[in-house]
Amino acid sequence: MLNKQTLYALVDELEREIQRSVDPETGELSEDAFGRIDKLEMSVKDKALNVGAYASGLVGEAERTEAIGKAIKAQAEKHMERGKRLRKQADEWVGYIDRHLERAGIKPAPRQDMLEELGDERVELVYSKSMGVDVLDKAKLPKRFLRKVEQPPDLKKIMDYCKENDGVLKIGLVTVAKIDYRQTLKVK
């Protein structure tokens, strides 16, 4: 028989049954309450196992999905690397064409407004102008041209320090960091 109650509802019911069944004068459970409480405890355990089995299925599905994601990522990385190699080859060929067209006198002068085009039905070779900035000495740039890059704290170093110093990192009297002990339920 499938129990449709939620785990928290079953625990609430168990707590209420225990409270109802305790003799206020002696603090003991009445004899007839033991059977009801045992039945509710079994229901709580069964529900916890059912929810755990569901969570375990999710963990398995997550692991399978992650494995597929890793395989896709690995394949994507191979494609990206191949794309980079092909881009590099294409850039080398474009440089090869550029050098030889310049030798042949086909490349326009750098200050010329009208840029020459060369093409047919297969390809179009176009000379274009662009601008860029070469920073010669980054250290001498005014701060307004620099970006701030904030580094996150090194949690491993902080943890090691806290372990050696009673679980805390203090600056003067102020506690800046402390070890946070956690207990985690794992589903296997």
N, C-alpha and C. Protein backbone atom coordinates (compact mmCIF):
# COMPACT_ATOMS: atom_id res chain seq x y z
N MET A 1 0.84 -1.17 0.00
CA MET A 1 0.00 0.00 0.00
C MET A 1 0.89 1.24 0.00
N LEU A 2 0.66 2.13 -0.95
CA LEU A 2 1.46 3.33 -1.11
C LEU A 2 0.94 4.43 -0.20
N ASN A 3 1.82 4.97 0.62
CA ASN A 3 1.44 6.05 1.52
C ASN A 3 1.61 7.36 0.78
N LYS A 4 0.53 8.10 0.59
CA LYS A 4 0.56 9.34 -0.19
C LYS A 4 0.93 10.55 0.66
N GLN A 5 1.11 10.38 1.96
CA GLN A 5 1.49 11.51 2.81
C GLN A 5 2.95 11.87 2.57
N THR A 6 3.26 13.15 2.75
CA THR A 6 4.64 13.59 2.63
C THR A 6 5.41 13.19 3.88
N LEU A 7 6.73 13.20 3.76
CA LEU A 7 7.58 12.85 4.89
C LEU A 7 7.36 13.82 6.05
N TYR A 8 7.31 15.12 5.75
CA TYR A 8 7.12 16.07 6.85
C TYR A 8 5.75 15.90 7.50
N ALA A 9 4.70 15.52 6.74
CA ALA A 9 3.38 15.31 7.32
C ALA A 9 3.40 14.07 8.23
N LEU A 10 4.12 13.03 7.81
CA LEU A 10 4.23 11.83 8.64
C LEU A 10 4.98 12.13 9.94
N VAL A 11 6.04 12.93 9.86
CA VAL A 11 6.80 13.29 11.06
C VAL A 11 5.94 14.15 11.98
N ASP A 12 5.17 15.08 11.38
CA ASP A 12 4.24 15.89 12.20
C ASP A 12 3.25 14.99 12.92
N GLU A 13 2.72 14.02 12.20
CA GLU A 13 1.73 13.10 12.80
C GLU A 13 2.38 12.28 13.91
N LEU A 14 3.61 11.83 13.71
CA LEU A 14 4.32 11.06 14.73
C LEU A 14 4.54 11.93 15.98
N GLU A 15 4.97 13.18 15.79
CA GLU A 15 5.19 14.07 16.93
C GLU A 15 3.87 14.32 17.69
N ARG A 16 2.79 14.52 16.94
CA ARG A 16 1.49 14.74 17.61
C ARG A 16 1.06 13.50 18.38
N GLU A 17 1.27 12.32 17.81
CA GLU A 17 0.88 11.07 18.48
C GLU A 17 1.69 10.89 19.77
N ILE A 18 2.98 11.21 19.71
CA ILE A 18 3.82 11.09 20.92
C ILE A 18 3.33 12.07 21.98
N GLN A 19 3.04 13.31 21.58
CA GLN A 19 2.55 14.31 22.54
C GLN A 19 1.21 13.90 23.15
N ARG A 20 0.32 13.34 22.32
CA ARG A 20 -0.99 12.91 22.82
C ARG A 20 -0.87 11.72 23.76
N SER A 21 0.12 10.87 23.49
CA SER A 21 0.21 9.60 24.21
C SER A 21 1.00 9.68 25.51
N VAL A 22 1.67 10.78 25.77
CA VAL A 22 2.47 10.91 27.00
C VAL A 22 1.53 11.28 28.15
N ASP A 23 1.64 10.50 29.23
CA ASP A 23 0.86 10.79 30.43
C ASP A 23 1.46 12.03 31.08
N PRO A 24 0.68 13.11 31.24
CA PRO A 24 1.24 14.36 31.77
C PRO A 24 1.76 14.23 33.20
N GLU A 25 1.24 13.28 33.95
CA GLU A 25 1.67 13.14 35.34
C GLU A 25 2.94 12.33 35.47
N THR A 26 3.05 11.24 34.70
CA THR A 26 4.21 10.35 34.84
C THR A 26 5.26 10.58 33.76
N GLY A 27 4.85 11.16 32.62
CA GLY A 27 5.78 11.37 31.52
C GLY A 27 6.03 10.11 30.72
N GLU A 28 5.23 9.05 30.97
CA GLU A 28 5.40 7.79 30.27
C GLU A 28 4.37 7.68 29.17
N LEU A 29 4.69 6.82 28.21
CA LEU A 29 3.75 6.55 27.12
C LEU A 29 2.72 5.53 27.58
N SER A 30 1.49 5.71 27.14
CA SER A 30 0.46 4.72 27.47
C SER A 30 0.71 3.46 26.65
N GLU A 31 0.27 2.32 27.17
CA GLU A 31 0.51 1.01 26.54
C GLU A 31 -0.03 0.94 25.12
N ASP A 32 -1.23 1.46 24.89
CA ASP A 32 -1.83 1.35 23.57
C ASP A 32 -1.15 2.27 22.55
N ALA A 33 -0.33 3.23 23.00
CA ALA A 33 0.34 4.16 22.09
C ALA A 33 1.53 3.53 21.39
N PHE A 34 2.16 2.52 22.03
CA PHE A 34 3.36 1.93 21.43
C PHE A 34 3.09 1.40 20.02
N GLY A 35 2.00 0.72 19.81
CA GLY A 35 1.66 0.17 18.49
C GLY A 35 1.47 1.27 17.46
N ARG A 36 0.72 2.32 17.83
CA ARG A 36 0.50 3.43 16.88
C ARG A 36 1.81 4.14 16.56
N ILE A 37 2.64 4.35 17.57
CA ILE A 37 3.92 5.05 17.36
C ILE A 37 4.85 4.20 16.50
N ASP A 38 4.91 2.89 16.78
CA ASP A 38 5.74 2.00 15.96
C ASP A 38 5.30 2.02 14.51
N LYS A 39 3.98 1.99 14.29
CA LYS A 39 3.44 2.01 12.93
C LYS A 39 3.81 3.33 12.23
N LEU A 40 3.70 4.45 12.95
CA LEU A 40 4.06 5.74 12.37
C LEU A 40 5.57 5.83 12.09
N GLU A 41 6.39 5.29 13.02
CA GLU A 41 7.84 5.28 12.79
C GLU A 41 8.20 4.47 11.55
N MET A 42 7.53 3.34 11.36
CA MET A 42 7.75 2.51 10.16
C MET A 42 7.34 3.29 8.91
N SER A 43 6.21 4.02 9.00
CA SER A 43 5.78 4.83 7.86
C SER A 43 6.80 5.92 7.54
N VAL A 44 7.36 6.55 8.59
CA VAL A 44 8.38 7.58 8.38
C VAL A 44 9.61 6.97 7.72
N LYS A 45 10.05 5.81 8.22
CA LYS A 45 11.23 5.16 7.65
C LYS A 45 10.97 4.75 6.20
N ASP A 46 9.79 4.16 5.94
CA ASP A 46 9.46 3.76 4.57
C ASP A 46 9.45 4.97 3.64
N LYS A 47 8.82 6.07 4.09
CA LYS A 47 8.75 7.28 3.27
C LYS A 47 10.16 7.84 3.04
N ALA A 48 10.99 7.84 4.08
CA ALA A 48 12.36 8.33 3.93
C ALA A 48 13.12 7.48 2.91
N LEU A 49 12.91 6.16 2.95
CA LEU A 49 13.57 5.28 1.98
C LEU A 49 13.03 5.53 0.57
N ASN A 50 11.72 5.75 0.44
CA ASN A 50 11.14 6.02 -0.87
C ASN A 50 11.68 7.34 -1.45
N VAL A 51 11.71 8.36 -0.60
CA VAL A 51 12.25 9.65 -1.05
C VAL A 51 13.73 9.50 -1.36
N GLY A 52 14.45 8.74 -0.54
CA GLY A 52 15.87 8.49 -0.79
C GLY A 52 16.09 7.75 -2.10
N ALA A 53 15.21 6.77 -2.40
CA ALA A 53 15.32 6.05 -3.67
C ALA A 53 15.09 7.00 -4.84
N TYR A 54 14.11 7.90 -4.69
CA TYR A 54 13.85 8.89 -5.73
C TYR A 54 15.07 9.79 -5.91
N ALA A 55 15.63 10.27 -4.79
CA ALA A 55 16.83 11.13 -4.85
C ALA A 55 18.00 10.37 -5.46
N SER A 56 18.12 9.08 -5.14
CA SER A 56 19.18 8.26 -5.70
C SER A 56 19.02 8.15 -7.22
N GLY A 57 17.78 8.01 -7.67
CA GLY A 57 17.52 8.00 -9.12
C GLY A 57 17.93 9.30 -9.77
N LEU A 58 17.64 10.41 -9.06
CA LEU A 58 18.05 11.73 -9.59
C LEU A 58 19.57 11.84 -9.65
N VAL A 59 20.25 11.32 -8.62
CA VAL A 59 21.71 11.34 -8.62
C VAL A 59 22.24 10.54 -9.82
N GLY A 60 21.67 9.37 -10.06
CA GLY A 60 22.08 8.56 -11.20
C GLY A 60 21.83 9.28 -12.51
N GLU A 61 20.66 9.88 -12.64
CA GLU A 61 20.33 10.64 -13.85
C GLU A 61 21.27 11.83 -14.01
N ALA A 62 21.60 12.51 -12.89
CA ALA A 62 22.53 13.64 -12.93
C ALA A 62 23.91 13.17 -13.40
N GLU A 63 24.36 12.03 -12.88
CA GLU A 63 25.67 11.51 -13.27
C GLU A 63 25.69 11.15 -14.75
N ARG A 64 24.61 10.52 -15.23
CA ARG A 64 24.53 10.18 -16.66
C ARG A 64 24.51 11.45 -17.51
N THR A 65 23.73 12.43 -17.07
CA THR A 65 23.63 13.68 -17.81
C THR A 65 24.97 14.41 -17.82
N GLU A 66 25.64 14.42 -16.67
CA GLU A 66 26.96 15.05 -16.60
C GLU A 66 27.97 14.34 -17.49
N ALA A 67 27.90 13.00 -17.52
CA ALA A 67 28.81 12.23 -18.37
C ALA A 67 28.57 12.58 -19.85
N ILE A 68 27.30 12.69 -20.22
CA ILE A 68 26.98 13.08 -21.59
C ILE A 68 27.50 14.49 -21.86
N GLY A 69 27.30 15.40 -20.88
CA GLY A 69 27.79 16.76 -21.03
C GLY A 69 29.31 16.80 -21.19
N LYS A 70 30.01 15.97 -20.41
CA LYS A 70 31.47 15.93 -20.53
C LYS A 70 31.88 15.41 -21.90
N ALA A 71 31.18 14.38 -22.37
CA ALA A 71 31.49 13.84 -23.70
C ALA A 71 31.24 14.88 -24.78
N ILE A 72 30.13 15.60 -24.65
CA ILE A 72 29.82 16.66 -25.62
C ILE A 72 30.88 17.75 -25.53
N LYS A 73 31.26 18.10 -24.30
CA LYS A 73 32.27 19.15 -24.11
C LYS A 73 33.59 18.71 -24.73
N ALA A 74 33.96 17.44 -24.51
CA ALA A 74 35.21 16.93 -25.09
C ALA A 74 35.15 17.00 -26.61
N GLN A 75 34.00 16.61 -27.17
CA GLN A 75 33.84 16.66 -28.62
C GLN A 75 33.86 18.11 -29.10
N ALA A 76 33.20 19.00 -28.34
CA ALA A 76 33.18 20.41 -28.71
C ALA A 76 34.60 20.98 -28.66
N GLU A 77 35.38 20.57 -27.66
CA GLU A 77 36.76 21.04 -27.56
C GLU A 77 37.58 20.58 -28.77
N LYS A 78 37.33 19.34 -29.22
CA LYS A 78 38.02 18.85 -30.41
C LYS A 78 37.65 19.70 -31.62
N HIS A 79 36.35 20.01 -31.74
CA HIS A 79 35.90 20.84 -32.85
C HIS A 79 36.49 22.25 -32.75
N MET A 80 36.55 22.79 -31.53
CA MET A 80 37.12 24.12 -31.34
C MET A 80 38.60 24.11 -31.73
N GLU A 81 39.33 23.09 -31.32
CA GLU A 81 40.74 22.98 -31.68
C GLU A 81 40.91 22.86 -33.19
N ARG A 82 40.07 22.05 -33.81
CA ARG A 82 40.13 21.92 -35.27
C ARG A 82 39.81 23.26 -35.92
N GLY A 83 38.81 23.96 -35.39
CA GLY A 83 38.46 25.28 -35.90
C GLY A 83 39.63 26.25 -35.79
N LYS A 84 40.34 26.20 -34.66
CA LYS A 84 41.51 27.07 -34.48
C LYS A 84 42.60 26.74 -35.50
N ARG A 85 42.83 25.42 -35.69
CA ARG A 85 43.84 25.02 -36.67
C ARG A 85 43.46 25.49 -38.07
N LEU A 86 42.19 25.30 -38.43
CA LEU A 86 41.73 25.73 -39.75
C LEU A 86 41.82 27.25 -39.89
N ARG A 87 41.45 27.98 -38.82
CA ARG A 87 41.54 29.44 -38.84
C ARG A 87 42.99 29.87 -39.03
N LYS A 88 43.91 29.18 -38.34
CA LYS A 88 45.33 29.52 -38.46
C LYS A 88 45.81 29.25 -39.89
N GLN A 89 45.41 28.11 -40.46
CA GLN A 89 45.78 27.81 -41.84
C GLN A 89 45.23 28.87 -42.80
N ALA A 90 43.96 29.24 -42.60
CA ALA A 90 43.35 30.25 -43.47
C ALA A 90 44.09 31.57 -43.33
N ASP A 91 44.43 31.96 -42.10
CA ASP A 91 45.16 33.21 -41.89
C ASP A 91 46.53 33.16 -42.56
N GLU A 92 47.19 32.00 -42.51
CA GLU A 92 48.48 31.86 -43.18
C GLU A 92 48.33 32.01 -44.70
N TRP A 93 47.28 31.41 -45.26
CA TRP A 93 47.04 31.53 -46.71
C TRP A 93 46.70 32.97 -47.09
N VAL A 94 45.91 33.66 -46.25
CA VAL A 94 45.59 35.06 -46.53
C VAL A 94 46.86 35.90 -46.47
N GLY A 95 47.72 35.63 -45.51
CA GLY A 95 49.01 36.33 -45.44
C GLY A 95 49.86 36.05 -46.66
N TYR A 96 49.85 34.81 -47.11
CA TYR A 96 50.58 34.41 -48.32
C TYR A 96 50.08 35.22 -49.52
N ILE A 97 48.75 35.29 -49.68
CA ILE A 97 48.15 36.05 -50.79
C ILE A 97 48.53 37.52 -50.66
N ASP A 98 48.40 38.07 -49.45
CA ASP A 98 48.68 39.49 -49.20
C ASP A 98 50.11 39.84 -49.58
N ARG A 99 51.06 39.02 -49.13
CA ARG A 99 52.47 39.29 -49.43
C ARG A 99 52.72 39.31 -50.95
N HIS A 100 52.14 38.35 -51.64
CA HIS A 100 52.41 38.24 -53.07
C HIS A 100 51.66 39.30 -53.88
N LEU A 101 50.46 39.68 -53.44
CA LEU A 101 49.77 40.77 -54.14
C LEU A 101 50.52 42.09 -53.94
N GLU A 102 51.07 42.28 -52.75
CA GLU A 102 51.84 43.49 -52.48
C GLU A 102 53.09 43.51 -53.35
N ARG A 103 53.75 42.37 -53.47
CA ARG A 103 54.94 42.27 -54.34
C ARG A 103 54.59 42.60 -55.78
N ALA A 104 53.34 42.19 -56.16
CA ALA A 104 52.91 42.44 -57.54
C ALA A 104 52.42 43.87 -57.73
N GLY A 105 52.33 44.64 -56.65
CA GLY A 105 51.91 46.03 -56.74
C GLY A 105 50.40 46.20 -56.78
N ILE A 106 49.66 45.19 -56.39
CA ILE A 106 48.21 45.26 -56.44
C ILE A 106 47.64 45.86 -55.16
N LYS A 107 48.35 45.72 -54.08
CA LYS A 107 47.86 46.24 -52.79
C LYS A 107 47.92 47.76 -52.79
N PRO A 108 46.82 48.44 -52.40
CA PRO A 108 46.82 49.90 -52.41
C PRO A 108 47.69 50.46 -51.29
N ALA A 109 48.06 51.71 -51.42
CA ALA A 109 48.86 52.38 -50.40
C ALA A 109 48.04 52.50 -49.13
N PRO A 110 48.64 52.51 -47.94
CA PRO A 110 47.91 52.55 -46.68
C PRO A 110 47.00 53.76 -46.52
N ARG A 111 47.32 54.93 -47.09
CA ARG A 111 46.51 56.13 -46.90
C ARG A 111 45.47 56.32 -48.00
N GLN A 112 45.41 55.44 -48.91
CA GLN A 112 44.49 55.59 -50.04
C GLN A 112 43.05 55.40 -49.58
N ASP A 113 42.13 56.28 -49.98
CA ASP A 113 40.73 56.20 -49.56
C ASP A 113 40.00 55.05 -50.24
N MET A 114 40.20 54.89 -51.51
CA MET A 114 39.52 53.81 -52.23
C MET A 114 40.37 52.55 -52.14
N LEU A 115 39.83 51.53 -51.58
CA LEU A 115 40.58 50.28 -51.44
C LEU A 115 40.20 49.35 -52.58
N GLU A 116 41.17 48.63 -53.06
CA GLU A 116 40.98 47.78 -54.23
C GLU A 116 40.30 46.48 -53.84
N GLU A 117 39.43 45.98 -54.71
CA GLU A 117 38.78 44.68 -54.51
C GLU A 117 39.20 43.75 -55.64
N LEU A 118 39.26 42.48 -55.34
CA LEU A 118 39.59 41.47 -56.32
C LEU A 118 38.69 40.27 -56.04
N GLY A 119 38.00 39.75 -57.04
CA GLY A 119 37.13 38.62 -56.77
C GLY A 119 36.57 37.98 -58.03
N ASP A 120 35.97 36.83 -57.84
CA ASP A 120 35.22 36.13 -58.88
C ASP A 120 34.08 35.40 -58.20
N GLU A 121 33.44 34.42 -58.89
CA GLU A 121 32.29 33.73 -58.30
C GLU A 121 32.65 32.85 -57.10
N ARG A 122 33.91 32.53 -56.93
CA ARG A 122 34.33 31.67 -55.81
C ARG A 122 34.72 32.44 -54.56
N VAL A 123 35.34 33.59 -54.73
CA VAL A 123 35.89 34.30 -53.58
C VAL A 123 36.01 35.79 -53.89
N GLU A 124 36.00 36.57 -52.84
CA GLU A 124 36.21 38.01 -52.96
C GLU A 124 37.32 38.39 -52.00
N LEU A 125 38.36 39.01 -52.55
CA LEU A 125 39.48 39.48 -51.73
C LEU A 125 39.34 40.98 -51.61
N VAL A 126 39.24 41.48 -50.41
CA VAL A 126 38.99 42.90 -50.18
C VAL A 126 40.03 43.43 -49.21
N TYR A 127 40.64 44.54 -49.58
CA TYR A 127 41.52 45.23 -48.65
C TYR A 127 40.67 46.24 -47.89
N SER A 128 40.79 46.25 -46.61
CA SER A 128 40.04 47.21 -45.80
C SER A 128 40.98 47.85 -44.78
N LYS A 129 40.52 48.96 -44.26
CA LYS A 129 41.31 49.66 -43.25
C LYS A 129 40.71 49.38 -41.88
N SER A 130 41.56 49.34 -40.89
CA SER A 130 41.08 49.20 -39.51
C SER A 130 42.05 49.92 -38.59
N MET A 131 41.61 50.15 -37.39
CA MET A 131 42.45 50.82 -36.41
C MET A 131 42.55 49.95 -35.17
N GLY A 132 43.67 50.05 -34.50
CA GLY A 132 43.87 49.34 -33.26
C GLY A 132 44.81 50.13 -32.38
N VAL A 133 44.98 49.71 -31.16
CA VAL A 133 45.87 50.39 -30.21
C VAL A 133 46.90 49.39 -29.74
N ASP A 134 48.14 49.79 -29.80
CA ASP A 134 49.23 49.00 -29.21
C ASP A 134 49.65 49.72 -27.94
N VAL A 135 49.46 49.08 -26.79
CA VAL A 135 49.89 49.66 -25.52
C VAL A 135 51.35 49.28 -25.34
N LEU A 136 52.21 50.30 -25.30
CA LEU A 136 53.65 50.06 -25.23
C LEU A 136 54.15 49.87 -23.80
N ASP A 137 53.53 50.55 -22.83
CA ASP A 137 53.94 50.41 -21.43
C ASP A 137 52.69 50.53 -20.54
N LYS A 138 52.12 49.41 -20.17
CA LYS A 138 50.88 49.40 -19.38
C LYS A 138 51.07 50.09 -18.02
N ALA A 139 52.26 50.00 -17.47
CA ALA A 139 52.53 50.58 -16.15
C ALA A 139 52.41 52.11 -16.16
N LYS A 140 52.60 52.75 -17.31
CA LYS A 140 52.57 54.21 -17.37
C LYS A 140 51.19 54.74 -17.76
N LEU A 141 50.23 53.85 -18.01
CA LEU A 141 48.88 54.29 -18.35
C LEU A 141 48.20 54.91 -17.13
N PRO A 142 47.44 56.00 -17.31
CA PRO A 142 46.65 56.54 -16.19
C PRO A 142 45.62 55.50 -15.72
N LYS A 143 45.30 55.54 -14.44
CA LYS A 143 44.39 54.55 -13.84
C LYS A 143 43.01 54.51 -14.51
N ARG A 144 42.57 55.63 -15.07
CA ARG A 144 41.24 55.67 -15.68
C ARG A 144 41.14 54.74 -16.89
N PHE A 145 42.28 54.32 -17.44
CA PHE A 145 42.27 53.41 -18.58
C PHE A 145 42.44 51.95 -18.17
N LEU A 146 42.58 51.70 -16.89
CA LEU A 146 42.78 50.34 -16.41
C LEU A 146 41.50 49.78 -15.83
N ARG A 147 41.32 48.48 -15.93
CA ARG A 147 40.17 47.79 -15.35
C ARG A 147 40.59 47.16 -14.03
N LYS A 148 39.66 47.18 -13.09
CA LYS A 148 39.91 46.51 -11.81
C LYS A 148 39.49 45.06 -11.95
N VAL A 149 40.35 44.17 -11.52
CA VAL A 149 40.04 42.75 -11.50
C VAL A 149 40.13 42.31 -10.05
N GLU A 150 38.98 42.01 -9.46
CA GLU A 150 38.94 41.63 -8.05
C GLU A 150 39.13 40.13 -7.93
N GLN A 151 40.07 39.73 -7.12
CA GLN A 151 40.35 38.32 -6.89
C GLN A 151 39.53 37.81 -5.71
N PRO A 152 38.92 36.64 -5.83
CA PRO A 152 38.21 36.08 -4.68
C PRO A 152 39.21 35.63 -3.62
N PRO A 153 38.77 35.56 -2.37
CA PRO A 153 39.70 35.13 -1.31
C PRO A 153 40.10 33.67 -1.50
N ASP A 154 41.29 33.33 -1.03
CA ASP A 154 41.80 31.97 -1.11
C ASP A 154 41.24 31.19 0.08
N LEU A 155 40.14 30.47 -0.14
CA LEU A 155 39.45 29.77 0.95
C LEU A 155 40.31 28.66 1.54
N LYS A 156 41.15 28.03 0.75
CA LYS A 156 42.01 26.96 1.28
C LYS A 156 43.01 27.53 2.29
N LYS A 157 43.62 28.66 1.95
CA LYS A 157 44.57 29.28 2.88
C LYS A 157 43.86 29.73 4.15
N ILE A 158 42.66 30.29 4.00
CA ILE A 158 41.89 30.72 5.17
C ILE A 158 41.55 29.52 6.04
N MET A 159 41.12 28.40 5.41
CA MET A 159 40.79 27.18 6.16
C MET A 159 42.01 26.67 6.91
N ASP A 160 43.17 26.63 6.25
CA ASP A 160 44.40 26.16 6.90
C ASP A 160 44.75 27.04 8.10
N TYR A 161 44.64 28.36 7.92
CA TYR A 161 44.92 29.29 9.02
C TYR A 161 43.96 29.07 10.19
N CYS A 162 42.67 28.95 9.87
CA CYS A 162 41.66 28.74 10.92
C CYS A 162 41.91 27.44 11.68
N LYS A 163 42.29 26.39 10.96
CA LYS A 163 42.57 25.10 11.62
C LYS A 163 43.70 25.24 12.64
N GLU A 164 44.67 26.08 12.33
CA GLU A 164 45.81 26.28 13.22
C GLU A 164 45.52 27.29 14.34
N ASN A 165 44.40 28.02 14.27
CA ASN A 165 44.12 29.10 15.21
C ASN A 165 42.71 29.01 15.80
N ASP A 166 42.42 27.90 16.42
CA ASP A 166 41.14 27.69 17.12
C ASP A 166 39.92 27.88 16.24
N GLY A 167 40.05 27.63 14.95
CA GLY A 167 38.90 27.67 14.06
C GLY A 167 38.47 29.05 13.61
N VAL A 168 39.28 30.10 13.89
CA VAL A 168 38.89 31.45 13.51
C VAL A 168 40.06 32.23 12.92
N LEU A 169 39.69 33.26 12.16
CA LEU A 169 40.66 34.23 11.65
C LEU A 169 40.21 35.58 12.18
N LYS A 170 41.05 36.17 13.03
CA LYS A 170 40.69 37.46 13.65
C LYS A 170 41.67 38.52 13.19
N ILE A 171 41.10 39.72 12.98
CA ILE A 171 41.91 40.92 12.75
C ILE A 171 41.62 41.80 13.96
N GLY A 172 42.57 41.88 14.84
CA GLY A 172 42.33 42.57 16.11
C GLY A 172 41.30 41.78 16.91
N LEU A 173 40.20 42.43 17.29
CA LEU A 173 39.14 41.76 18.03
C LEU A 173 38.00 41.29 17.13
N VAL A 174 38.10 41.57 15.86
CA VAL A 174 37.02 41.25 14.93
C VAL A 174 37.28 39.89 14.26
N THR A 175 36.29 38.99 14.36
CA THR A 175 36.37 37.71 13.67
C THR A 175 36.01 37.92 12.21
N VAL A 176 36.95 37.62 11.32
CA VAL A 176 36.78 37.84 9.89
C VAL A 176 36.30 36.56 9.20
N ALA A 177 36.73 35.42 9.70
CA ALA A 177 36.33 34.14 9.12
C ALA A 177 36.37 33.08 10.21
N LYS A 178 35.56 32.06 10.04
CA LYS A 178 35.56 30.95 10.99
C LYS A 178 35.22 29.68 10.24
N ILE A 179 35.60 28.56 10.81
CA ILE A 179 35.28 27.27 10.21
C ILE A 179 33.80 27.00 10.45
N ASP A 180 33.11 26.63 9.40
CA ASP A 180 31.69 26.31 9.47
C ASP A 180 31.57 24.79 9.32
N TYR A 181 31.21 24.12 10.40
CA TYR A 181 31.08 22.68 10.36
C TYR A 181 29.70 22.33 9.82
N ARG A 182 29.68 21.46 8.83
CA ARG A 182 28.41 21.09 8.20
C ARG A 182 28.27 19.58 8.20
N GLN A 183 27.04 19.14 8.29
CA GLN A 183 26.75 17.72 8.20
C GLN A 183 25.86 17.55 6.98
N THR A 184 26.26 16.68 6.08
CA THR A 184 25.54 16.52 4.83
C THR A 184 25.07 15.10 4.68
N LEU A 185 23.80 14.93 4.35
CA LEU A 185 23.25 13.61 4.05
C LEU A 185 23.52 13.31 2.60
N LYS A 186 24.14 12.17 2.31
CA LYS A 186 24.44 11.79 0.94
C LYS A 186 23.60 10.59 0.56
N VAL A 187 23.19 10.56 -0.67
CA VAL A 187 22.43 9.45 -1.21
C VAL A 187 23.35 8.66 -2.12
N LYS A 188 23.45 7.36 -1.87
CA LYS A 188 24.33 6.52 -2.69
C LYS A 188 23.52 5.50 -3.44
